[in-house]
Amino acid sequence: MAFFKENDLTVVSDALEIAEDATGDFYKFSLGQWKRYRYDVKTRSSLKTEEISSSALAVLFKGMRMVDGFDSRTKDRDFYFICLQDHSILEVLERDRYLTLLPLLVYVFTHELIHIVRFCNFYQMFDVSEGKRFREEEIVHKTTFEILKDFSLPNLNYVLDSYQDHRMCEIAS
């Protein structure tokens, strides 16, 4: 399986920053408000076997993290892991010479961040039936498009057009 190279990881970081800014602007978040949404990004080199998918560009996992300094279970916080599937992303880029890594990752990260915002605000439960999961994907896809449709980034419109009807992630419980 392919892994991101060092220069790809710089693009991953840039894409996450762009997606956080775009998503935050859409939801009118201050910098402080973003801190309520606890998540981390993992790439193929740090994924566990159960976090690897051959059918998605990213998989969202939910876990728990203890708040520092508290022993009580009531202080546990939901924590999300955006697990990028390097091998799938690199395969998509290889198949389509018009796609480039930065706009593709901006799309993927924006999509995943919307899920996280929706879960944290109880617009959608994380663990739901397949039918509700499919509906959630429709909502998140439309919101991703709304956030990014007027965004100025080379090749982003191509990504939006290419993935208009595709499901971009899996949600694992």
N, C-alpha and C. Protein backbone atom coordinates (compact mmCIF):
# COMPACT_ATOMS: atom_id res chain seq x y z
N MET A 1 0.84 -1.19 0.00
CA MET A 1 0.00 0.00 0.00
C MET A 1 0.88 1.26 0.00
N ALA A 2 0.45 2.23 -0.73
CA ALA A 2 1.20 3.48 -0.85
C ALA A 2 1.00 4.36 0.38
N PHE A 3 2.04 5.12 0.69
CA PHE A 3 2.01 6.07 1.81
C PHE A 3 2.31 7.46 1.27
N PHE A 4 1.82 8.47 1.99
CA PHE A 4 2.22 9.84 1.65
C PHE A 4 3.71 10.00 1.90
N LYS A 5 4.34 10.76 1.03
CA LYS A 5 5.75 11.10 1.20
C LYS A 5 5.83 12.39 2.03
N GLU A 6 7.03 12.78 2.40
CA GLU A 6 7.22 13.95 3.26
C GLU A 6 6.59 15.21 2.67
N ASN A 7 6.78 15.44 1.36
CA ASN A 7 6.20 16.65 0.75
C ASN A 7 4.67 16.56 0.71
N ASP A 8 4.12 15.34 0.63
CA ASP A 8 2.66 15.17 0.68
C ASP A 8 2.13 15.56 2.06
N LEU A 9 2.89 15.25 3.10
CA LEU A 9 2.44 15.57 4.47
C LEU A 9 2.36 17.08 4.68
N THR A 10 3.21 17.83 4.01
CA THR A 10 3.11 19.29 4.06
C THR A 10 1.80 19.74 3.42
N VAL A 11 1.42 19.12 2.33
CA VAL A 11 0.15 19.43 1.66
C VAL A 11 -1.02 19.04 2.56
N VAL A 12 -0.91 17.92 3.26
CA VAL A 12 -1.96 17.49 4.20
C VAL A 12 -2.17 18.59 5.24
N SER A 13 -1.09 19.09 5.79
CA SER A 13 -1.18 20.15 6.80
C SER A 13 -1.81 21.42 6.23
N ASP A 14 -1.39 21.81 5.04
CA ASP A 14 -1.95 23.01 4.39
C ASP A 14 -3.44 22.83 4.11
N ALA A 15 -3.80 21.66 3.62
CA ALA A 15 -5.21 21.38 3.28
C ALA A 15 -6.08 21.42 4.53
N LEU A 16 -5.59 20.87 5.63
CA LEU A 16 -6.36 20.90 6.87
C LEU A 16 -6.57 22.34 7.33
N GLU A 17 -5.54 23.15 7.25
CA GLU A 17 -5.67 24.56 7.66
C GLU A 17 -6.70 25.29 6.79
N ILE A 18 -6.66 25.07 5.49
CA ILE A 18 -7.62 25.70 4.58
C ILE A 18 -9.04 25.22 4.90
N ALA A 19 -9.20 23.93 5.10
CA ALA A 19 -10.53 23.36 5.38
C ALA A 19 -11.07 23.86 6.72
N GLU A 20 -10.21 23.96 7.73
CA GLU A 20 -10.65 24.50 9.02
C GLU A 20 -11.11 25.94 8.87
N ASP A 21 -10.36 26.74 8.13
CA ASP A 21 -10.75 28.14 7.92
C ASP A 21 -12.07 28.24 7.16
N ALA A 22 -12.21 27.48 6.08
CA ALA A 22 -13.43 27.53 5.28
C ALA A 22 -14.64 27.05 6.08
N THR A 23 -14.48 25.96 6.81
CA THR A 23 -15.58 25.41 7.60
C THR A 23 -15.92 26.35 8.75
N GLY A 24 -14.90 26.88 9.40
CA GLY A 24 -15.12 27.84 10.49
C GLY A 24 -15.82 29.10 10.01
N ASP A 25 -15.44 29.60 8.84
CA ASP A 25 -16.11 30.77 8.28
C ASP A 25 -17.59 30.47 8.01
N PHE A 26 -17.87 29.30 7.46
CA PHE A 26 -19.24 28.92 7.14
C PHE A 26 -20.10 28.87 8.41
N TYR A 27 -19.57 28.26 9.46
CA TYR A 27 -20.32 28.14 10.72
C TYR A 27 -20.13 29.34 11.64
N LYS A 28 -19.33 30.32 11.19
CA LYS A 28 -19.08 31.55 11.94
C LYS A 28 -18.43 31.26 13.30
N PHE A 29 -17.44 30.36 13.27
CA PHE A 29 -16.71 29.99 14.49
C PHE A 29 -15.58 30.99 14.75
N SER A 30 -15.39 31.27 16.02
CA SER A 30 -14.19 31.96 16.44
C SER A 30 -13.11 30.90 16.64
N LEU A 31 -11.88 31.33 16.80
CA LEU A 31 -10.79 30.39 17.06
C LEU A 31 -11.08 29.58 18.32
N GLY A 32 -11.62 30.22 19.33
CA GLY A 32 -11.95 29.53 20.58
C GLY A 32 -13.03 28.47 20.40
N GLN A 33 -13.99 28.72 19.53
CA GLN A 33 -15.05 27.75 19.30
C GLN A 33 -14.52 26.48 18.65
N TRP A 34 -13.49 26.59 17.81
CA TRP A 34 -12.92 25.40 17.17
C TRP A 34 -12.36 24.44 18.22
N LYS A 35 -11.92 24.97 19.35
CA LYS A 35 -11.30 24.12 20.38
C LYS A 35 -12.30 23.14 21.00
N ARG A 36 -13.60 23.40 20.89
CA ARG A 36 -14.61 22.45 21.41
C ARG A 36 -14.67 21.18 20.58
N TYR A 37 -14.23 21.27 19.34
CA TYR A 37 -14.32 20.13 18.43
C TYR A 37 -12.98 19.40 18.46
N ARG A 38 -12.95 18.31 19.18
CA ARG A 38 -11.71 17.58 19.38
C ARG A 38 -11.54 16.51 18.30
N TYR A 39 -10.46 16.66 17.54
CA TYR A 39 -10.17 15.70 16.49
C TYR A 39 -8.68 15.70 16.19
N ASP A 40 -8.27 14.67 15.52
CA ASP A 40 -6.89 14.55 15.08
C ASP A 40 -6.91 13.88 13.71
N VAL A 41 -5.82 14.03 12.99
CA VAL A 41 -5.70 13.44 11.67
C VAL A 41 -4.63 12.36 11.73
N LYS A 42 -4.93 11.23 11.13
CA LYS A 42 -3.97 10.14 11.02
C LYS A 42 -3.79 9.81 9.55
N THR A 43 -2.56 9.51 9.19
CA THR A 43 -2.29 9.04 7.84
C THR A 43 -1.93 7.56 7.91
N ARG A 44 -1.76 6.95 6.77
CA ARG A 44 -1.56 5.50 6.67
C ARG A 44 -0.46 4.99 7.60
N SER A 45 0.60 5.74 7.78
CA SER A 45 1.72 5.27 8.60
C SER A 45 1.34 5.07 10.06
N SER A 46 0.26 5.70 10.52
CA SER A 46 -0.14 5.55 11.93
C SER A 46 -1.50 4.87 12.11
N LEU A 47 -2.06 4.34 11.02
CA LEU A 47 -3.36 3.69 11.11
C LEU A 47 -3.24 2.27 11.65
N LYS A 48 -4.21 1.89 12.47
CA LYS A 48 -4.35 0.50 12.91
C LYS A 48 -5.06 -0.26 11.79
N THR A 49 -4.93 -1.57 11.82
CA THR A 49 -5.55 -2.40 10.78
C THR A 49 -7.03 -2.10 10.60
N GLU A 50 -7.76 -1.94 11.70
CA GLU A 50 -9.20 -1.69 11.61
C GLU A 50 -9.54 -0.29 11.10
N GLU A 51 -8.55 0.57 10.98
CA GLU A 51 -8.78 1.93 10.48
C GLU A 51 -8.50 2.05 8.99
N ILE A 52 -8.13 0.96 8.36
CA ILE A 52 -7.79 0.97 6.94
C ILE A 52 -9.00 0.53 6.12
N SER A 53 -9.26 1.28 5.06
CA SER A 53 -10.38 0.98 4.17
C SER A 53 -9.88 1.00 2.73
N SER A 54 -10.45 0.14 1.93
CA SER A 54 -10.11 0.16 0.50
C SER A 54 -11.18 0.87 -0.31
N SER A 55 -12.24 1.34 0.36
CA SER A 55 -13.36 1.93 -0.38
C SER A 55 -13.62 3.39 -0.04
N ALA A 56 -12.68 4.04 0.66
CA ALA A 56 -12.91 5.43 1.06
C ALA A 56 -11.61 6.21 0.99
N LEU A 57 -11.74 7.53 0.89
CA LEU A 57 -10.57 8.40 0.94
C LEU A 57 -10.24 8.78 2.37
N ALA A 58 -11.25 8.73 3.24
CA ALA A 58 -11.05 9.00 4.66
C ALA A 58 -12.11 8.22 5.43
N VAL A 59 -11.74 7.82 6.62
CA VAL A 59 -12.67 7.13 7.51
C VAL A 59 -12.68 7.91 8.82
N LEU A 60 -13.87 8.16 9.33
CA LEU A 60 -14.01 8.90 10.58
C LEU A 60 -14.28 7.93 11.72
N PHE A 61 -13.44 7.97 12.74
CA PHE A 61 -13.61 7.13 13.92
C PHE A 61 -13.88 8.02 15.12
N LYS A 62 -14.62 7.48 16.05
CA LYS A 62 -14.93 8.19 17.29
C LYS A 62 -14.30 7.44 18.44
N GLY A 63 -13.67 8.18 19.32
CA GLY A 63 -13.08 7.59 20.51
C GLY A 63 -13.35 8.48 21.70
N MET A 64 -12.71 8.17 22.79
CA MET A 64 -12.84 8.98 24.01
C MET A 64 -11.44 9.37 24.46
N ARG A 65 -11.31 10.57 24.98
CA ARG A 65 -10.07 11.03 25.57
C ARG A 65 -10.40 11.64 26.92
N MET A 66 -9.61 11.32 27.90
CA MET A 66 -9.80 11.92 29.22
C MET A 66 -9.32 13.37 29.18
N VAL A 67 -10.06 14.24 29.81
CA VAL A 67 -9.64 15.62 29.96
C VAL A 67 -8.53 15.62 31.00
N ASP A 68 -7.41 16.26 30.69
CA ASP A 68 -6.27 16.29 31.60
C ASP A 68 -6.66 16.80 32.98
N GLY A 69 -6.20 16.11 34.01
CA GLY A 69 -6.41 16.56 35.37
C GLY A 69 -7.69 16.06 36.00
N PHE A 70 -8.51 15.32 35.27
CA PHE A 70 -9.76 14.82 35.82
C PHE A 70 -9.74 13.30 35.79
N ASP A 71 -10.18 12.69 36.87
CA ASP A 71 -10.25 11.23 36.92
C ASP A 71 -11.67 10.73 36.68
N SER A 72 -12.65 11.58 36.82
CA SER A 72 -14.04 11.17 36.71
C SER A 72 -14.39 10.80 35.28
N ARG A 73 -15.12 9.72 35.09
CA ARG A 73 -15.57 9.31 33.76
C ARG A 73 -16.50 10.36 33.14
N THR A 74 -17.11 11.19 33.97
CA THR A 74 -18.00 12.22 33.43
C THR A 74 -17.23 13.30 32.70
N LYS A 75 -15.92 13.33 32.86
CA LYS A 75 -15.10 14.34 32.19
C LYS A 75 -14.51 13.82 30.88
N ASP A 76 -14.88 12.57 30.49
CA ASP A 76 -14.45 12.05 29.20
C ASP A 76 -15.05 12.91 28.09
N ARG A 77 -14.35 13.03 27.01
CA ARG A 77 -14.83 13.82 25.87
C ARG A 77 -14.77 12.98 24.61
N ASP A 78 -15.77 13.17 23.75
CA ASP A 78 -15.71 12.53 22.45
C ASP A 78 -14.50 13.08 21.71
N PHE A 79 -13.85 12.22 20.98
CA PHE A 79 -12.68 12.62 20.21
C PHE A 79 -12.77 11.90 18.88
N TYR A 80 -12.57 12.63 17.80
CA TYR A 80 -12.71 12.06 16.46
C TYR A 80 -11.35 11.94 15.79
N PHE A 81 -11.21 10.90 15.01
CA PHE A 81 -10.00 10.66 14.24
C PHE A 81 -10.36 10.64 12.76
N ILE A 82 -9.79 11.57 12.03
CA ILE A 82 -9.93 11.57 10.57
C ILE A 82 -8.77 10.72 10.06
N CYS A 83 -9.10 9.54 9.59
CA CYS A 83 -8.08 8.59 9.14
C CYS A 83 -7.98 8.65 7.62
N LEU A 84 -6.98 9.39 7.14
CA LEU A 84 -6.79 9.50 5.70
C LEU A 84 -6.29 8.17 5.16
N GLN A 85 -6.82 7.81 4.04
CA GLN A 85 -6.43 6.56 3.38
C GLN A 85 -5.46 6.91 2.25
N ASP A 86 -4.20 7.08 2.62
CA ASP A 86 -3.17 7.52 1.67
C ASP A 86 -3.24 6.72 0.37
N HIS A 87 -3.30 5.41 0.50
CA HIS A 87 -3.29 4.53 -0.67
C HIS A 87 -4.44 4.83 -1.62
N SER A 88 -5.63 5.07 -1.08
CA SER A 88 -6.79 5.37 -1.93
C SER A 88 -6.67 6.75 -2.55
N ILE A 89 -6.21 7.71 -1.78
CA ILE A 89 -6.05 9.08 -2.30
C ILE A 89 -5.01 9.10 -3.42
N LEU A 90 -3.87 8.45 -3.20
CA LEU A 90 -2.83 8.42 -4.22
C LEU A 90 -3.28 7.66 -5.46
N GLU A 91 -4.09 6.62 -5.28
CA GLU A 91 -4.63 5.87 -6.41
C GLU A 91 -5.57 6.75 -7.24
N VAL A 92 -6.42 7.52 -6.58
CA VAL A 92 -7.34 8.43 -7.29
C VAL A 92 -6.54 9.47 -8.08
N LEU A 93 -5.48 10.00 -7.48
CA LEU A 93 -4.65 10.99 -8.17
C LEU A 93 -3.95 10.38 -9.38
N GLU A 94 -3.54 9.14 -9.26
CA GLU A 94 -2.87 8.47 -10.36
C GLU A 94 -3.84 8.19 -11.51
N ARG A 95 -5.09 7.88 -11.19
CA ARG A 95 -6.11 7.58 -12.20
C ARG A 95 -6.56 8.82 -12.96
N ASP A 96 -6.55 9.97 -12.31
CA ASP A 96 -7.09 11.20 -12.92
C ASP A 96 -6.03 12.29 -12.88
N ARG A 97 -5.40 12.53 -14.00
CA ARG A 97 -4.28 13.48 -14.05
C ARG A 97 -4.69 14.92 -13.80
N TYR A 98 -5.99 15.21 -13.83
CA TYR A 98 -6.46 16.57 -13.57
C TYR A 98 -6.67 16.85 -12.09
N LEU A 99 -6.74 15.80 -11.31
CA LEU A 99 -6.86 15.98 -9.86
C LEU A 99 -5.50 16.26 -9.26
N THR A 100 -5.47 17.14 -8.26
CA THR A 100 -4.23 17.39 -7.53
C THR A 100 -4.50 17.24 -6.04
N LEU A 101 -3.43 16.99 -5.29
CA LEU A 101 -3.57 16.62 -3.89
C LEU A 101 -4.20 17.71 -3.03
N LEU A 102 -3.77 18.95 -3.16
CA LEU A 102 -4.28 20.00 -2.27
C LEU A 102 -5.79 20.19 -2.38
N PRO A 103 -6.36 20.43 -3.55
CA PRO A 103 -7.82 20.62 -3.58
C PRO A 103 -8.59 19.36 -3.19
N LEU A 104 -8.06 18.19 -3.53
CA LEU A 104 -8.74 16.96 -3.13
C LEU A 104 -8.79 16.84 -1.61
N LEU A 105 -7.67 17.10 -0.95
CA LEU A 105 -7.64 17.02 0.51
C LEU A 105 -8.47 18.13 1.16
N VAL A 106 -8.50 19.30 0.57
CA VAL A 106 -9.37 20.36 1.12
C VAL A 106 -10.81 19.87 1.10
N TYR A 107 -11.21 19.23 0.02
CA TYR A 107 -12.57 18.68 -0.06
C TYR A 107 -12.79 17.62 1.02
N VAL A 108 -11.87 16.67 1.11
CA VAL A 108 -12.01 15.57 2.06
C VAL A 108 -12.05 16.10 3.50
N PHE A 109 -11.13 16.99 3.84
CA PHE A 109 -11.11 17.53 5.20
C PHE A 109 -12.36 18.36 5.51
N THR A 110 -12.80 19.17 4.57
CA THR A 110 -14.01 19.95 4.80
C THR A 110 -15.19 19.03 5.06
N HIS A 111 -15.29 17.99 4.28
CA HIS A 111 -16.35 17.00 4.44
C HIS A 111 -16.32 16.38 5.83
N GLU A 112 -15.15 15.95 6.26
CA GLU A 112 -15.02 15.31 7.57
C GLU A 112 -15.26 16.29 8.72
N LEU A 113 -14.80 17.51 8.57
CA LEU A 113 -15.01 18.52 9.62
C LEU A 113 -16.50 18.84 9.78
N ILE A 114 -17.23 18.85 8.68
CA ILE A 114 -18.68 19.06 8.77
C ILE A 114 -19.33 17.94 9.57
N HIS A 115 -18.93 16.70 9.31
CA HIS A 115 -19.44 15.58 10.11
C HIS A 115 -19.17 15.83 11.59
N ILE A 116 -17.95 16.20 11.91
CA ILE A 116 -17.57 16.41 13.31
C ILE A 116 -18.42 17.51 13.94
N VAL A 117 -18.60 18.62 13.24
CA VAL A 117 -19.43 19.71 13.75
C VAL A 117 -20.86 19.22 13.97
N ARG A 118 -21.39 18.46 13.04
CA ARG A 118 -22.76 17.97 13.16
C ARG A 118 -22.90 16.98 14.32
N PHE A 119 -21.93 16.10 14.50
CA PHE A 119 -21.98 15.15 15.62
C PHE A 119 -21.86 15.88 16.96
N CYS A 120 -20.95 16.81 17.05
CA CYS A 120 -20.71 17.52 18.31
C CYS A 120 -21.89 18.42 18.70
N ASN A 121 -22.63 18.87 17.72
CA ASN A 121 -23.80 19.72 17.98
C ASN A 121 -25.11 18.93 17.99
N PHE A 122 -25.01 17.62 17.92
CA PHE A 122 -26.16 16.72 17.99
C PHE A 122 -27.16 16.91 16.86
N TYR A 123 -26.66 17.39 15.69
CA TYR A 123 -27.53 17.43 14.51
C TYR A 123 -27.69 16.02 13.97
N GLN A 124 -26.73 15.17 14.30
CA GLN A 124 -26.75 13.78 13.86
C GLN A 124 -26.00 12.95 14.90
N MET A 125 -26.55 11.79 15.21
CA MET A 125 -25.86 10.85 16.09
C MET A 125 -24.77 10.15 15.28
N PHE A 126 -23.69 9.78 15.94
CA PHE A 126 -22.60 9.08 15.25
C PHE A 126 -23.02 7.67 14.86
N ASP A 127 -23.63 6.95 15.77
CA ASP A 127 -24.05 5.57 15.52
C ASP A 127 -25.51 5.56 15.07
N VAL A 128 -25.72 5.34 13.78
CA VAL A 128 -27.07 5.33 13.21
C VAL A 128 -27.21 4.18 12.21
N SER A 129 -28.42 3.95 11.78
CA SER A 129 -28.70 2.92 10.78
C SER A 129 -28.09 3.33 9.44
N GLU A 130 -28.00 2.37 8.56
CA GLU A 130 -27.44 2.62 7.23
C GLU A 130 -28.24 3.68 6.47
N GLY A 131 -29.56 3.66 6.59
CA GLY A 131 -30.40 4.66 5.92
C GLY A 131 -30.12 6.06 6.41
N LYS A 132 -30.01 6.22 7.71
CA LYS A 132 -29.71 7.55 8.27
C LYS A 132 -28.28 7.96 7.93
N ARG A 133 -27.39 7.01 7.86
CA ARG A 133 -26.00 7.30 7.49
C ARG A 133 -25.95 7.82 6.06
N PHE A 134 -26.72 7.20 5.17
CA PHE A 134 -26.76 7.63 3.78
C PHE A 134 -27.31 9.05 3.70
N ARG A 135 -28.36 9.34 4.44
CA ARG A 135 -28.95 10.70 4.45
C ARG A 135 -27.95 11.71 5.00
N GLU A 136 -27.20 11.32 6.04
CA GLU A 136 -26.17 12.20 6.59
C GLU A 136 -25.12 12.52 5.52
N GLU A 137 -24.73 11.53 4.76
CA GLU A 137 -23.76 11.76 3.70
C GLU A 137 -24.29 12.76 2.67
N GLU A 138 -25.57 12.65 2.33
CA GLU A 138 -26.17 13.60 1.39
C GLU A 138 -26.10 15.03 1.93
N ILE A 139 -26.47 15.19 3.20
CA ILE A 139 -26.45 16.52 3.83
C ILE A 139 -25.04 17.07 3.87
N VAL A 140 -24.10 16.25 4.28
CA VAL A 140 -22.71 16.71 4.41
C VAL A 140 -22.12 17.02 3.04
N HIS A 141 -22.44 16.21 2.05
CA HIS A 141 -21.94 16.48 0.71
C HIS A 141 -22.45 17.83 0.21
N LYS A 142 -23.74 18.09 0.39
CA LYS A 142 -24.31 19.37 -0.05
C LYS A 142 -23.68 20.54 0.71
N THR A 143 -23.46 20.37 2.00
CA THR A 143 -22.84 21.44 2.80
C THR A 143 -21.40 21.66 2.37
N THR A 144 -20.68 20.59 2.07
CA THR A 144 -19.30 20.71 1.59
C THR A 144 -19.28 21.54 0.31
N PHE A 145 -20.19 21.24 -0.60
CA PHE A 145 -20.27 21.99 -1.85
C PHE A 145 -20.58 23.47 -1.57
N GLU A 146 -21.53 23.74 -0.67
CA GLU A 146 -21.89 25.13 -0.34
C GLU A 146 -20.68 25.89 0.21
N ILE A 147 -19.90 25.24 1.04
CA ILE A 147 -18.73 25.89 1.64
C ILE A 147 -17.67 26.18 0.58
N LEU A 148 -17.46 25.25 -0.33
CA LEU A 148 -16.32 25.35 -1.24
C LEU A 148 -16.64 25.87 -2.63
N LYS A 149 -17.90 26.01 -2.99
CA LYS A 149 -18.26 26.36 -4.37
C LYS A 149 -17.69 27.68 -4.85
N ASP A 150 -17.54 28.66 -3.97
CA ASP A 150 -17.01 29.97 -4.37
C ASP A 150 -15.59 30.19 -3.87
N PHE A 151 -14.99 29.13 -3.35
CA PHE A 151 -13.65 29.22 -2.79
C PHE A 151 -12.62 29.27 -3.92
N SER A 152 -11.65 30.14 -3.80
CA SER A 152 -10.65 30.30 -4.84
C SER A 152 -9.43 29.42 -4.55
N LEU A 153 -9.36 28.31 -5.26
CA LEU A 153 -8.23 27.39 -5.13
C LEU A 153 -8.11 26.66 -6.46
N PRO A 154 -6.93 26.68 -7.07
CA PRO A 154 -6.78 25.99 -8.36
C PRO A 154 -7.24 24.53 -8.29
N ASN A 155 -7.99 24.11 -9.29
CA ASN A 155 -8.49 22.74 -9.47
C ASN A 155 -9.58 22.34 -8.48
N LEU A 156 -10.00 23.21 -7.59
CA LEU A 156 -11.05 22.84 -6.65
C LEU A 156 -12.38 22.62 -7.36
N ASN A 157 -12.68 23.45 -8.35
CA ASN A 157 -13.93 23.24 -9.11
C ASN A 157 -13.94 21.89 -9.81
N TYR A 158 -12.78 21.45 -10.26
CA TYR A 158 -12.70 20.14 -10.88
C TYR A 158 -13.02 19.04 -9.86
N VAL A 159 -12.50 19.19 -8.65
CA VAL A 159 -12.80 18.23 -7.58
C VAL A 159 -14.30 18.24 -7.29
N LEU A 160 -14.88 19.42 -7.14
CA LEU A 160 -16.32 19.51 -6.85
C LEU A 160 -17.15 18.86 -7.95
N ASP A 161 -16.77 19.08 -9.20
CA ASP A 161 -17.48 18.47 -10.32
C ASP A 161 -17.27 16.96 -10.37
N SER A 162 -16.04 16.53 -10.13
CA SER A 162 -15.70 15.10 -10.23
C SER A 162 -16.40 14.26 -9.18
N TYR A 163 -16.57 14.82 -7.99
CA TYR A 163 -17.12 14.04 -6.89
C TYR A 163 -18.52 14.47 -6.50
N GLN A 164 -19.22 15.07 -7.43
CA GLN A 164 -20.55 15.57 -7.17
C GLN A 164 -21.49 14.49 -6.65
N ASP A 165 -21.42 13.30 -7.20
CA ASP A 165 -22.35 12.25 -6.80
C ASP A 165 -21.71 11.10 -6.04
N HIS A 166 -20.49 11.31 -5.58
CA HIS A 166 -19.79 10.23 -4.90
C HIS A 166 -19.82 10.39 -3.40
N ARG A 167 -19.85 9.28 -2.74
CA ARG A 167 -19.75 9.27 -1.29
C ARG A 167 -18.27 9.29 -0.94
N MET A 168 -17.88 10.22 -0.07
CA MET A 168 -16.46 10.45 0.16
C MET A 168 -15.92 9.79 1.42
N CYS A 169 -16.73 9.30 2.32
CA CYS A 169 -16.16 8.76 3.55
C CYS A 169 -17.01 7.64 4.08
N GLU A 170 -16.41 6.91 4.98
CA GLU A 170 -17.13 5.92 5.78
C GLU A 170 -17.14 6.43 7.20
N ILE A 171 -18.13 6.05 7.95
CA ILE A 171 -18.17 6.37 9.38
C ILE A 171 -18.10 5.05 10.11
N ALA A 172 -17.08 4.89 10.89
CA ALA A 172 -16.89 3.64 11.60
C ALA A 172 -17.25 3.83 13.08
N SER A 173 -17.83 2.81 13.67
CA SER A 173 -18.18 2.91 15.08
C SER A 173 -17.23 2.09 15.92
